[in-house]
Amino acid sequence: MKHLMTALILCAPLATTAYASSVTPQTLHDSVTKIGAAQAISHLNEQEFQTLTSGITKADPEWLKLVPEIAPGIEGGNASTLVEALARALSKDPKNVISALSDPVSASLPGKEKVCTLPFPGEADASLARYYRLTEPALKKMGEKGKSCLDDLHKAFGKIRTTAQDQQNFSLNRRKITPALLWSAMEKDGAEKVASSLSVASRKTLQDGISQGDREWLMIADALVNVTDPQTRAMLMPALATALSQNPGDVLKVAEGHIETEILCAMPFPDASASALSAYYQKTQTALLRLHRRGENCQKVLQREHELMVNKSR
């Protein structure tokens, strides 16, 4: 008997581990059907509940379908966690998230009305701005069905933006600019006004950030790519071309529909030496090759320009 008890104790962690990873949309659905939402949720251990919320965060349609079923059994901290997961799924699959929330049974979910209002306590303003930029266009594509949620999102972000502006009372050209600072300014005054108000030093900081291929700076470039300010436009082209060697995938996304490949990928550096252009060619070609077919057109232009340069030097 003593040996049997020892064996059971030793096996217990293995059994717990196996159980921790066993929950699926189907098993949870079966559990809700059999014993009700409240008991089904209470029977989940921490890892299983995390599996549930992770599936919802990723906008897995099978997990999202379960939201109306489990809503009556969610309360307290679990409710806040579920609401945040649903909010994070909005940018990925707004249709199924809103469908789940619109189900009459979901009305019992505590905090349901907060899903579209940036329910991320403690999140940095820059992170909230990124979330807003991803989620707003996704909701707009839904048209009338996404309007209510979109209105709530606009109101929530408007309050955060106003608060941030009141707290910071920033001036673009009195502080070293950052992507977050530029986003705040563009949300307030628009990209065109911000572009035209940049000082020489601020524009240089912006150019350096974009040239390094940093994703946050490239998102700023994407917002500025259509401005008419001549100095900003003149800065963007060489900055984006330089960034091709660092982050070609994101640069090509920014340029798509705005900047011709024939110009962007043609080494637009009129004052650069032949040796500098050759070094740029080697580095950028290697980066573009990693994109495979996505980088083919740009690579062809780059190679053609390099060959022309080599032929001229002979």
C-alpha atoms as a PDB file:
ATOM      1  CA  MET A   1       0.000   0.000   0.000  1.00  0.00           C
ATOM      2  CA  LYS A   2       2.852   2.353   0.865  1.00  0.00           C
ATOM      3  CA  HIS A   3       4.517   1.651  -2.497  1.00  0.00           C
ATOM      4  CA  LEU A   4       1.216   2.267  -4.299  1.00  0.00           C
ATOM      5  CA  MET A   5       0.771   5.674  -2.610  1.00  0.00           C
ATOM      6  CA  THR A   6       4.354   6.627  -3.529  1.00  0.00           C
ATOM      7  CA  ALA A   7       3.718   5.691  -7.146  1.00  0.00           C
ATOM      8  CA  LEU A   8       0.530   7.748  -7.238  1.00  0.00           C
ATOM      9  CA  ILE A   9       2.324  10.782  -5.784  1.00  0.00           C
ATOM     10  CA  LEU A  10       5.126  10.471  -8.335  1.00  0.00           C
ATOM     11  CA  CYS A  11       2.636  10.196 -11.169  1.00  0.00           C
ATOM     12  CA  ALA A  12       0.544  13.157 -10.020  1.00  0.00           C
ATOM     13  CA  PRO A  13       2.686  15.869 -11.678  1.00  0.00           C
ATOM     14  CA  LEU A  14       2.575  13.960 -14.968  1.00  0.00           C
ATOM     15  CA  ALA A  15      -1.176  13.685 -14.790  1.00  0.00           C
ATOM     16  CA  THR A  16      -1.500  17.382 -14.008  1.00  0.00           C
ATOM     17  CA  THR A  17       0.751  18.303 -16.928  1.00  0.00           C
ATOM     18  CA  ALA A  18      -1.243  16.137 -19.296  1.00  0.00           C
ATOM     19  CA  TYR A  19      -4.505  17.626 -18.056  1.00  0.00           C
ATOM     20  CA  ALA A  20      -3.126  21.159 -18.295  1.00  0.00           C
ATOM     21  CA  SER A  21      -2.725  20.865 -22.054  1.00  0.00           C
ATOM     22  CA  SER A  22      -5.894  18.853 -22.730  1.00  0.00           C
ATOM     23  CA  VAL A  23      -8.467  21.638 -23.111  1.00  0.00           C
ATOM     24  CA  THR A  24      -9.699  22.299 -26.646  1.00  0.00           C
ATOM     25  CA  PRO A  25     -12.685  24.200 -28.011  1.00  0.00           C
ATOM     26  CA  GLN A  26     -14.520  20.902 -28.378  1.00  0.00           C
ATOM     27  CA  THR A  27     -13.774  19.583 -24.875  1.00  0.00           C
ATOM     28  CA  LEU A  28     -14.767  22.897 -23.306  1.00  0.00           C
ATOM     29  CA  HIS A  29     -17.973  22.984 -25.348  1.00  0.00           C
ATOM     30  CA  ASP A  30     -18.786  19.444 -24.196  1.00  0.00           C
ATOM     31  CA  SER A  31     -18.077  20.417 -20.600  1.00  0.00           C
ATOM     32  CA  VAL A  32     -20.357  23.483 -20.791  1.00  0.00           C
ATOM     33  CA  THR A  33     -23.110  21.363 -22.331  1.00  0.00           C
ATOM     34  CA  LYS A  34     -22.780  18.747 -19.609  1.00  0.00           C
ATOM     35  CA  ILE A  35     -22.285  20.766 -16.408  1.00  0.00           C
ATOM     36  CA  GLY A  36     -22.952  24.394 -17.346  1.00  0.00           C
ATOM     37  CA  ALA A  37     -20.686  27.357 -18.030  1.00  0.00           C
ATOM     38  CA  ALA A  38     -19.921  28.275 -14.419  1.00  0.00           C
ATOM     39  CA  GLN A  39     -18.744  24.804 -13.408  1.00  0.00           C
ATOM     40  CA  ALA A  40     -16.933  24.234 -16.694  1.00  0.00           C
ATOM     41  CA  ILE A  41     -14.911  27.410 -16.188  1.00  0.00           C
ATOM     42  CA  SER A  42     -14.266  26.681 -12.506  1.00  0.00           C
ATOM     43  CA  HIS A  43     -12.850  23.274 -13.468  1.00  0.00           C
ATOM     44  CA  LEU A  44     -10.204  24.852 -15.708  1.00  0.00           C
ATOM     45  CA  ASN A  45      -6.780  25.197 -14.150  1.00  0.00           C
ATOM     46  CA  GLU A  46      -4.611  28.260 -14.767  1.00  0.00           C
ATOM     47  CA  GLN A  47      -2.867  26.834 -17.818  1.00  0.00           C
ATOM     48  CA  GLU A  48      -6.135  25.735 -19.380  1.00  0.00           C
ATOM     49  CA  PHE A  49      -7.719  29.141 -18.898  1.00  0.00           C
ATOM     50  CA  GLN A  50      -4.606  30.651 -20.470  1.00  0.00           C
ATOM     51  CA  THR A  51      -5.065  28.310 -23.445  1.00  0.00           C
ATOM     52  CA  LEU A  52      -8.629  29.600 -23.776  1.00  0.00           C
ATOM     53  CA  THR A  53      -7.673  33.292 -23.645  1.00  0.00           C
ATOM     54  CA  SER A  54      -4.669  32.759 -25.911  1.00  0.00           C
ATOM     55  CA  GLY A  55      -6.910  31.174 -28.536  1.00  0.00           C
ATOM     56  CA  ILE A  56      -9.288  34.126 -28.325  1.00  0.00           C
ATOM     57  CA  THR A  57      -6.424  36.648 -28.492  1.00  0.00           C
ATOM     58  CA  LYS A  58      -5.229  34.970 -31.697  1.00  0.00           C
ATOM     59  CA  ALA A  59      -8.798  35.223 -33.059  1.00  0.00           C
ATOM     60  CA  ASP A  60      -9.080  31.475 -33.526  1.00  0.00           C
ATOM     61  CA  PRO A  61     -12.660  31.098 -34.832  1.00  0.00           C
ATOM     62  CA  GLU A  62     -13.267  27.905 -32.827  1.00  0.00           C
ATOM     63  CA  TRP A  63     -12.414  29.638 -29.551  1.00  0.00           C
ATOM     64  CA  LEU A  64     -14.371  32.769 -30.491  1.00  0.00           C
ATOM     65  CA  LYS A  65     -17.471  30.639 -31.112  1.00  0.00           C
ATOM     66  CA  LEU A  66     -17.305  29.564 -27.477  1.00  0.00           C
ATOM     67  CA  VAL A  67     -17.577  33.096 -26.060  1.00  0.00           C
ATOM     68  CA  PRO A  68     -21.408  33.148 -25.874  1.00  0.00           C
ATOM     69  CA  GLU A  69     -21.366  29.671 -24.305  1.00  0.00           C
ATOM     70  CA  ILE A  70     -18.890  30.500 -21.546  1.00  0.00           C
ATOM     71  CA  ALA A  71     -20.025  34.106 -20.916  1.00  0.00           C
ATOM     72  CA  PRO A  72     -22.534  33.151 -18.176  1.00  0.00           C
ATOM     73  CA  GLY A  73     -19.749  31.411 -16.251  1.00  0.00           C
ATOM     74  CA  ILE A  74     -17.169  34.195 -16.399  1.00  0.00           C
ATOM     75  CA  GLU A  75     -16.732  36.613 -13.499  1.00  0.00           C
ATOM     76  CA  GLY A  76     -14.180  38.680 -11.572  1.00  0.00           C
ATOM     77  CA  GLY A  77     -10.606  38.662 -12.825  1.00  0.00           C
ATOM     78  CA  ASN A  78     -11.443  36.052 -15.430  1.00  0.00           C
ATOM     79  CA  ALA A  79     -13.888  38.506 -17.000  1.00  0.00           C
ATOM     80  CA  SER A  80     -11.242  41.236 -17.291  1.00  0.00           C
ATOM     81  CA  THR A  81      -8.795  38.791 -18.859  1.00  0.00           C
ATOM     82  CA  LEU A  82     -11.398  37.592 -21.358  1.00  0.00           C
ATOM     83  CA  VAL A  83     -12.411  41.155 -22.274  1.00  0.00           C
ATOM     84  CA  GLU A  84      -8.764  42.037 -22.940  1.00  0.00           C
ATOM     85  CA  ALA A  85      -8.340  38.908 -25.084  1.00  0.00           C
ATOM     86  CA  LEU A  86     -11.406  39.849 -27.145  1.00  0.00           C
ATOM     87  CA  ALA A  87     -10.078  43.386 -27.570  1.00  0.00           C
ATOM     88  CA  ARG A  88      -6.735  42.096 -28.835  1.00  0.00           C
ATOM     89  CA  ALA A  89      -8.552  39.853 -31.327  1.00  0.00           C
ATOM     90  CA  LEU A  90     -10.432  42.808 -32.850  1.00  0.00           C
ATOM     91  CA  SER A  91      -7.716  43.778 -35.316  1.00  0.00           C
ATOM     92  CA  LYS A  92      -7.350  40.178 -36.510  1.00  0.00           C
ATOM     93  CA  ASP A  93     -10.986  39.131 -36.927  1.00  0.00           C
ATOM     94  CA  PRO A  94     -13.438  41.921 -36.051  1.00  0.00           C
ATOM     95  CA  LYS A  95     -16.304  40.085 -37.729  1.00  0.00           C
ATOM     96  CA  ASN A  96     -16.210  37.050 -35.444  1.00  0.00           C
ATOM     97  CA  VAL A  97     -15.403  39.078 -32.329  1.00  0.00           C
ATOM     98  CA  ILE A  98     -18.389  41.368 -32.844  1.00  0.00           C
ATOM     99  CA  SER A  99     -20.551  38.387 -33.761  1.00  0.00           C
ATOM    100  CA  ALA A 100     -19.616  36.718 -30.467  1.00  0.00           C
ATOM    101  CA  LEU A 101     -20.324  39.896 -28.504  1.00  0.00           C
ATOM    102  CA  SER A 102     -23.633  40.464 -30.296  1.00  0.00           C
ATOM    103  CA  ASP A 103     -25.024  37.120 -29.205  1.00  0.00           C
ATOM    104  CA  PRO A 104     -27.720  37.804 -26.559  1.00  0.00           C
ATOM    105  CA  VAL A 105     -26.123  35.268 -24.212  1.00  0.00           C
ATOM    106  CA  SER A 106     -22.894  37.319 -24.172  1.00  0.00           C
ATOM    107  CA  ALA A 107     -24.783  40.157 -22.476  1.00  0.00           C
ATOM    108  CA  SER A 108     -24.009  38.458 -19.157  1.00  0.00           C
ATOM    109  CA  LEU A 109     -20.243  38.851 -19.652  1.00  0.00           C
ATOM    110  CA  PRO A 110     -19.007  41.455 -17.116  1.00  0.00           C
ATOM    111  CA  GLY A 111     -17.189  44.297 -18.872  1.00  0.00           C
ATOM    112  CA  LYS A 112     -18.461  43.315 -22.317  1.00  0.00           C
ATOM    113  CA  GLU A 113     -19.040  46.998 -23.133  1.00  0.00           C
ATOM    114  CA  LYS A 114     -15.313  47.712 -22.617  1.00  0.00           C
ATOM    115  CA  VAL A 115     -14.021  45.479 -25.417  1.00  0.00           C
ATOM    116  CA  CYS A 116     -13.900  48.365 -27.916  1.00  0.00           C
ATOM    117  CA  THR A 117     -12.534  50.936 -25.446  1.00  0.00           C
ATOM    118  CA  LEU A 118      -8.830  49.996 -25.145  1.00  0.00           C
ATOM    119  CA  PRO A 119      -9.221  47.848 -21.983  1.00  0.00           C
ATOM    120  CA  PHE A 120      -5.487  47.566 -21.315  1.00  0.00           C
ATOM    121  CA  PRO A 121      -4.701  49.097 -17.899  1.00  0.00           C
ATOM    122  CA  GLY A 122      -1.095  50.162 -17.525  1.00  0.00           C
ATOM    123  CA  GLU A 123      -0.354  49.950 -21.257  1.00  0.00           C
ATOM    124  CA  ALA A 124       1.988  52.653 -22.585  1.00  0.00           C
ATOM    125  CA  ASP A 125       0.503  55.334 -24.834  1.00  0.00           C
ATOM    126  CA  ALA A 126       2.773  54.316 -27.721  1.00  0.00           C
ATOM    127  CA  SER A 127       1.521  50.730 -27.477  1.00  0.00           C
ATOM    128  CA  LEU A 128      -2.094  51.917 -27.394  1.00  0.00           C
ATOM    129  CA  ALA A 129      -1.427  54.053 -30.469  1.00  0.00           C
ATOM    130  CA  ARG A 130      -0.091  51.006 -32.339  1.00  0.00           C
ATOM    131  CA  TYR A 131      -3.149  49.012 -31.317  1.00  0.00           C
ATOM    132  CA  TYR A 132      -5.422  51.829 -32.493  1.00  0.00           C
ATOM    133  CA  ARG A 133      -3.680  52.032 -35.878  1.00  0.00           C
ATOM    134  CA  LEU A 134      -4.167  48.297 -36.431  1.00  0.00           C
ATOM    135  CA  THR A 135      -7.719  48.029 -35.116  1.00  0.00           C
ATOM    136  CA  GLU A 136      -9.325  51.139 -36.597  1.00  0.00           C
ATOM    137  CA  PRO A 137      -8.930  50.092 -40.276  1.00  0.00           C
ATOM    138  CA  ALA A 138     -10.089  46.549 -39.474  1.00  0.00           C
ATOM    139  CA  LEU A 139     -13.314  47.902 -37.972  1.00  0.00           C
ATOM    140  CA  LYS A 140     -13.804  50.378 -40.821  1.00  0.00           C
ATOM    141  CA  LYS A 141     -13.853  47.490 -43.296  1.00  0.00           C
ATOM    142  CA  MET A 142     -16.902  46.100 -41.503  1.00  0.00           C
ATOM    143  CA  GLY A 143     -18.979  49.129 -42.408  1.00  0.00           C
ATOM    144  CA  GLU A 144     -22.207  49.552 -40.460  1.00  0.00           C
ATOM    145  CA  LYS A 145     -21.683  46.367 -38.423  1.00  0.00           C
ATOM    146  CA  GLY A 146     -18.464  47.726 -36.975  1.00  0.00           C
ATOM    147  CA  LYS A 147     -19.616  51.325 -36.503  1.00  0.00           C
ATOM    148  CA  SER A 148     -20.648  51.104 -32.848  1.00  0.00           C
ATOM    149  CA  CYS A 149     -17.363  49.476 -31.844  1.00  0.00           C
ATOM    150  CA  LEU A 150     -15.422  51.932 -34.007  1.00  0.00           C
ATOM    151  CA  ASP A 151     -17.156  54.890 -32.345  1.00  0.00           C
ATOM    152  CA  ASP A 152     -16.235  53.536 -28.908  1.00  0.00           C
ATOM    153  CA  LEU A 153     -12.629  53.055 -30.036  1.00  0.00           C
ATOM    154  CA  HIS A 154     -12.438  56.628 -31.350  1.00  0.00           C
ATOM    155  CA  LYS A 155     -13.796  58.037 -28.089  1.00  0.00           C
ATOM    156  CA  ALA A 156     -11.439  55.984 -25.936  1.00  0.00           C
ATOM    157  CA  PHE A 157      -8.375  56.861 -27.974  1.00  0.00           C
ATOM    158  CA  GLY A 158      -9.416  60.509 -28.111  1.00  0.00           C
ATOM    159  CA  LYS A 159      -9.429  60.662 -24.309  1.00  0.00           C
ATOM    160  CA  ILE A 160      -6.002  59.041 -24.088  1.00  0.00           C
ATOM    161  CA  ARG A 161      -4.603  61.380 -26.725  1.00  0.00           C
ATOM    162  CA  THR A 162      -5.978  64.459 -24.968  1.00  0.00           C
ATOM    163  CA  THR A 163      -4.648  63.315 -21.606  1.00  0.00           C
ATOM    164  CA  ALA A 164      -1.223  62.612 -23.077  1.00  0.00           C
ATOM    165  CA  GLN A 165      -1.113  66.007 -24.735  1.00  0.00           C
ATOM    166  CA  ASP A 166      -2.133  67.768 -21.522  1.00  0.00           C
ATOM    167  CA  GLN A 167       0.501  65.891 -19.543  1.00  0.00           C
ATOM    168  CA  GLN A 168       3.320  66.302 -22.017  1.00  0.00           C
ATOM    169  CA  ASN A 169       2.526  69.741 -23.417  1.00  0.00           C
ATOM    170  CA  PHE A 170       5.103  68.842 -25.986  1.00  0.00           C
ATOM    171  CA  SER A 171       6.658  70.904 -28.710  1.00  0.00           C
ATOM    172  CA  LEU A 172       8.158  68.880 -31.547  1.00  0.00           C
ATOM    173  CA  ASN A 173      11.161  71.068 -32.009  1.00  0.00           C
ATOM    174  CA  ARG A 174      11.980  71.510 -28.323  1.00  0.00           C
ATOM    175  CA  ARG A 175      12.344  67.831 -27.580  1.00  0.00           C
ATOM    176  CA  LYS A 176      14.147  65.024 -29.322  1.00  0.00           C
ATOM    177  CA  ILE A 177      11.494  63.464 -31.495  1.00  0.00           C
ATOM    178  CA  THR A 178      10.453  59.845 -31.138  1.00  0.00           C
ATOM    179  CA  PRO A 179       7.883  57.760 -33.050  1.00  0.00           C
ATOM    180  CA  ALA A 180       5.445  58.094 -30.133  1.00  0.00           C
ATOM    181  CA  LEU A 181       5.851  61.870 -30.060  1.00  0.00           C
ATOM    182  CA  LEU A 182       5.281  62.131 -33.810  1.00  0.00           C
ATOM    183  CA  TRP A 183       2.179  59.933 -33.620  1.00  0.00           C
ATOM    184  CA  SER A 184       0.746  62.149 -30.920  1.00  0.00           C
ATOM    185  CA  ALA A 185       1.442  65.234 -33.002  1.00  0.00           C
ATOM    186  CA  MET A 186      -0.049  63.731 -36.167  1.00  0.00           C
ATOM    187  CA  GLU A 187      -3.161  62.595 -34.334  1.00  0.00           C
ATOM    188  CA  LYS A 188      -3.619  66.171 -33.150  1.00  0.00           C
ATOM    189  CA  ASP A 189      -2.576  68.227 -36.182  1.00  0.00           C
ATOM    190  CA  GLY A 190      -2.365  65.820 -39.118  1.00  0.00           C
ATOM    191  CA  ALA A 191       0.648  64.500 -41.039  1.00  0.00           C
ATOM    192  CA  GLU A 192       0.833  67.454 -43.427  1.00  0.00           C
ATOM    193  CA  LYS A 193       1.116  70.070 -40.679  1.00  0.00           C
ATOM    194  CA  VAL A 194       3.631  68.026 -38.706  1.00  0.00           C
ATOM    195  CA  ALA A 195       5.809  67.481 -41.783  1.00  0.00           C
ATOM    196  CA  SER A 196       5.911  71.179 -42.606  1.00  0.00           C
ATOM    197  CA  SER A 197       6.692  72.190 -39.001  1.00  0.00           C
ATOM    198  CA  LEU A 198       9.739  69.968 -38.473  1.00  0.00           C
ATOM    199  CA  SER A 199      13.013  71.728 -37.807  1.00  0.00           C
ATOM    200  CA  VAL A 200      16.203  70.728 -39.616  1.00  0.00           C
ATOM    201  CA  ALA A 201      17.383  68.814 -36.531  1.00  0.00           C
ATOM    202  CA  SER A 202      14.055  67.008 -36.096  1.00  0.00           C
ATOM    203  CA  ARG A 203      13.946  66.075 -39.774  1.00  0.00           C
ATOM    204  CA  LYS A 204      17.493  64.701 -39.494  1.00  0.00           C
ATOM    205  CA  THR A 205      16.468  62.550 -36.510  1.00  0.00           C
ATOM    206  CA  LEU A 206      13.495  61.296 -38.512  1.00  0.00           C
ATOM    207  CA  GLN A 207      15.693  60.515 -41.519  1.00  0.00           C
ATOM    208  CA  ASP A 208      18.205  58.609 -39.382  1.00  0.00           C
ATOM    209  CA  GLY A 209      15.449  56.549 -37.738  1.00  0.00           C
ATOM    210  CA  ILE A 210      13.899  55.578 -41.073  1.00  0.00           C
ATOM    211  CA  SER A 211      17.313  54.850 -42.631  1.00  0.00           C
ATOM    212  CA  GLN A 212      18.037  52.286 -39.914  1.00  0.00           C
ATOM    213  CA  GLY A 213      14.960  50.295 -40.950  1.00  0.00           C
ATOM    214  CA  ASP A 214      13.403  50.412 -37.488  1.00  0.00           C
ATOM    215  CA  ARG A 215       9.776  49.293 -37.793  1.00  0.00           C
ATOM    216  CA  GLU A 216       8.331  52.094 -35.639  1.00  0.00           C
ATOM    217  CA  TRP A 217      10.113  54.734 -37.704  1.00  0.00           C
ATOM    218  CA  LEU A 218       8.969  53.031 -40.913  1.00  0.00           C
ATOM    219  CA  MET A 219       5.386  53.286 -39.678  1.00  0.00           C
ATOM    220  CA  ILE A 220       5.981  57.032 -39.367  1.00  0.00           C
ATOM    221  CA  ALA A 221       7.332  57.029 -42.935  1.00  0.00           C
ATOM    222  CA  ASP A 222       4.161  55.264 -44.042  1.00  0.00           C
ATOM    223  CA  ALA A 223       2.079  58.047 -42.484  1.00  0.00           C
ATOM    224  CA  LEU A 224       4.198  60.747 -44.139  1.00  0.00           C
ATOM    225  CA  VAL A 225       4.669  59.198 -47.575  1.00  0.00           C
ATOM    226  CA  ASN A 226       1.858  61.224 -49.174  1.00  0.00           C
ATOM    227  CA  VAL A 227       2.599  64.637 -47.647  1.00  0.00           C
ATOM    228  CA  THR A 228       3.318  67.510 -50.034  1.00  0.00           C
ATOM    229  CA  ASP A 229       6.022  69.225 -47.969  1.00  0.00           C
ATOM    230  CA  PRO A 230       9.017  69.254 -50.371  1.00  0.00           C
ATOM    231  CA  GLN A 231      11.701  68.888 -47.692  1.00  0.00           C
ATOM    232  CA  THR A 232      10.003  65.857 -46.164  1.00  0.00           C
ATOM    233  CA  ARG A 233       9.504  64.227 -49.557  1.00  0.00           C
ATOM    234  CA  ALA A 234      13.132  64.856 -50.477  1.00  0.00           C
ATOM    235  CA  MET A 235      14.220  63.263 -47.197  1.00  0.00           C
ATOM    236  CA  LEU A 236      11.986  60.189 -47.434  1.00  0.00           C
ATOM    237  CA  MET A 237      13.326  58.750 -50.691  1.00  0.00           C
ATOM    238  CA  PRO A 238      17.003  58.294 -49.720  1.00  0.00           C
ATOM    239  CA  ALA A 239      16.003  57.316 -46.169  1.00  0.00           C
ATOM    240  CA  LEU A 240      13.726  54.519 -47.400  1.00  0.00           C
ATOM    241  CA  ALA A 241      16.271  53.432 -50.003  1.00  0.00           C
ATOM    242  CA  THR A 242      18.925  53.205 -47.278  1.00  0.00           C
ATOM    243  CA  ALA A 243      16.543  51.164 -45.108  1.00  0.00           C
ATOM    244  CA  LEU A 244      16.153  48.606 -47.914  1.00  0.00           C
ATOM    245  CA  SER A 245      19.416  47.025 -46.821  1.00  0.00           C
ATOM    246  CA  GLN A 246      18.145  46.705 -43.231  1.00  0.00           C
ATOM    247  CA  ASN A 247      14.442  45.901 -43.470  1.00  0.00           C
ATOM    248  CA  PRO A 248      13.402  45.470 -47.130  1.00  0.00           C
ATOM    249  CA  GLY A 249      10.087  43.785 -46.351  1.00  0.00           C
ATOM    250  CA  ASP A 250       8.655  46.698 -44.378  1.00  0.00           C
ATOM    251  CA  VAL A 251      10.182  49.304 -46.708  1.00  0.00           C
ATOM    252  CA  LEU A 252       8.487  47.749 -49.744  1.00  0.00           C
ATOM    253  CA  LYS A 253       5.179  47.747 -47.852  1.00  0.00           C
ATOM    254  CA  VAL A 254       5.553  51.464 -47.135  1.00  0.00           C
ATOM    255  CA  ALA A 255       6.448  52.193 -50.758  1.00  0.00           C
ATOM    256  CA  GLU A 256       3.680  50.082 -52.291  1.00  0.00           C
ATOM    257  CA  GLY A 257       1.251  52.304 -54.166  1.00  0.00           C
ATOM    258  CA  HIS A 258       3.198  55.452 -53.253  1.00  0.00           C
ATOM    259  CA  ILE A 259       6.766  55.206 -54.547  1.00  0.00           C
ATOM    260  CA  GLU A 260       7.754  53.544 -57.818  1.00  0.00           C
ATOM    261  CA  THR A 261      10.120  50.596 -57.546  1.00  0.00           C
ATOM    262  CA  GLU A 262      12.054  52.031 -60.494  1.00  0.00           C
ATOM    263  CA  ILE A 263      12.975  55.004 -58.321  1.00  0.00           C
ATOM    264  CA  LEU A 264      13.247  53.504 -54.831  1.00  0.00           C
ATOM    265  CA  CYS A 265      15.445  50.575 -55.856  1.00  0.00           C
ATOM    266  CA  ALA A 266      17.656  52.495 -58.308  1.00  0.00           C
ATOM    267  CA  MET A 267      20.193  53.598 -55.680  1.00  0.00           C
ATOM    268  CA  PRO A 268      18.882  57.196 -55.445  1.00  0.00           C
ATOM    269  CA  PHE A 269      22.054  58.640 -53.942  1.00  0.00           C
ATOM    270  CA  PRO A 270      23.393  61.172 -56.485  1.00  0.00           C
ATOM    271  CA  ASP A 271      26.278  62.319 -54.282  1.00  0.00           C
ATOM    272  CA  ALA A 272      27.489  58.860 -53.233  1.00  0.00           C
ATOM    273  CA  SER A 273      30.848  57.547 -54.435  1.00  0.00           C
ATOM    274  CA  ALA A 274      31.154  54.450 -56.606  1.00  0.00           C
ATOM    275  CA  SER A 275      32.662  52.476 -53.724  1.00  0.00           C
ATOM    276  CA  ALA A 276      29.814  53.486 -51.397  1.00  0.00           C
ATOM    277  CA  LEU A 277      27.234  52.491 -54.022  1.00  0.00           C
ATOM    278  CA  SER A 278      28.946  49.127 -54.557  1.00  0.00           C
ATOM    279  CA  ALA A 279      28.882  48.434 -50.813  1.00  0.00           C
ATOM    280  CA  TYR A 280      25.214  49.460 -50.680  1.00  0.00           C
ATOM    281  CA  TYR A 281      24.441  47.186 -53.641  1.00  0.00           C
ATOM    282  CA  GLN A 282      26.018  44.137 -52.020  1.00  0.00           C
ATOM    283  CA  LYS A 283      24.250  44.645 -48.706  1.00  0.00           C
ATOM    284  CA  THR A 284      20.855  45.453 -50.227  1.00  0.00           C
ATOM    285  CA  GLN A 285      20.977  42.615 -52.738  1.00  0.00           C
ATOM    286  CA  THR A 286      21.610  40.140 -49.904  1.00  0.00           C
ATOM    287  CA  ALA A 287      18.677  41.564 -47.928  1.00  0.00           C
ATOM    288  CA  LEU A 288      16.324  41.417 -50.938  1.00  0.00           C
ATOM    289  CA  LEU A 289      17.276  37.817 -51.735  1.00  0.00           C
ATOM    290  CA  ARG A 290      15.866  36.799 -48.356  1.00  0.00           C
ATOM    291  CA  LEU A 291      12.446  38.037 -49.480  1.00  0.00           C
ATOM    292  CA  HIS A 292      12.437  35.628 -52.442  1.00  0.00           C
ATOM    293  CA  ARG A 293       9.657  36.576 -54.884  1.00  0.00           C
ATOM    294  CA  ARG A 294       8.568  39.635 -52.896  1.00  0.00           C
ATOM    295  CA  GLY A 295      11.913  41.269 -53.540  1.00  0.00           C
ATOM    296  CA  GLU A 296      12.382  40.227 -57.182  1.00  0.00           C
ATOM    297  CA  ASN A 297      11.274  43.452 -58.888  1.00  0.00           C
ATOM    298  CA  CYS A 298      13.340  45.641 -56.607  1.00  0.00           C
ATOM    299  CA  GLN A 299      16.323  43.353 -57.007  1.00  0.00           C
ATOM    300  CA  LYS A 300      16.129  43.564 -60.819  1.00  0.00           C
ATOM    301  CA  VAL A 301      16.135  47.367 -60.716  1.00  0.00           C
ATOM    302  CA  LEU A 302      19.007  47.385 -58.226  1.00  0.00           C
ATOM    303  CA  GLN A 303      21.055  44.966 -60.321  1.00  0.00           C
ATOM    304  CA  ARG A 304      20.425  46.935 -63.510  1.00  0.00           C
ATOM    305  CA  GLU A 305      21.571  50.185 -61.895  1.00  0.00           C
ATOM    306  CA  HIS A 306      24.667  48.523 -60.508  1.00  0.00           C
ATOM    307  CA  GLU A 307      25.583  47.112 -63.913  1.00  0.00           C
ATOM    308  CA  LEU A 308      25.138  50.552 -65.493  1.00  0.00           C
ATOM    309  CA  MET A 309      27.416  52.042 -62.858  1.00  0.00           C
ATOM    310  CA  VAL A 310      30.078  49.375 -63.420  1.00  0.00           C
ATOM    311  CA  ASN A 311      29.945  49.799 -67.204  1.00  0.00           C
ATOM    312  CA  LYS A 312      30.344  53.581 -66.890  1.00  0.00           C
ATOM    313  CA  SER A 313      33.433  53.184 -64.754  1.00  0.00           C
ATOM    314  CA  ARG A 314      35.203  51.018 -67.332  1.00  0.00           C
END
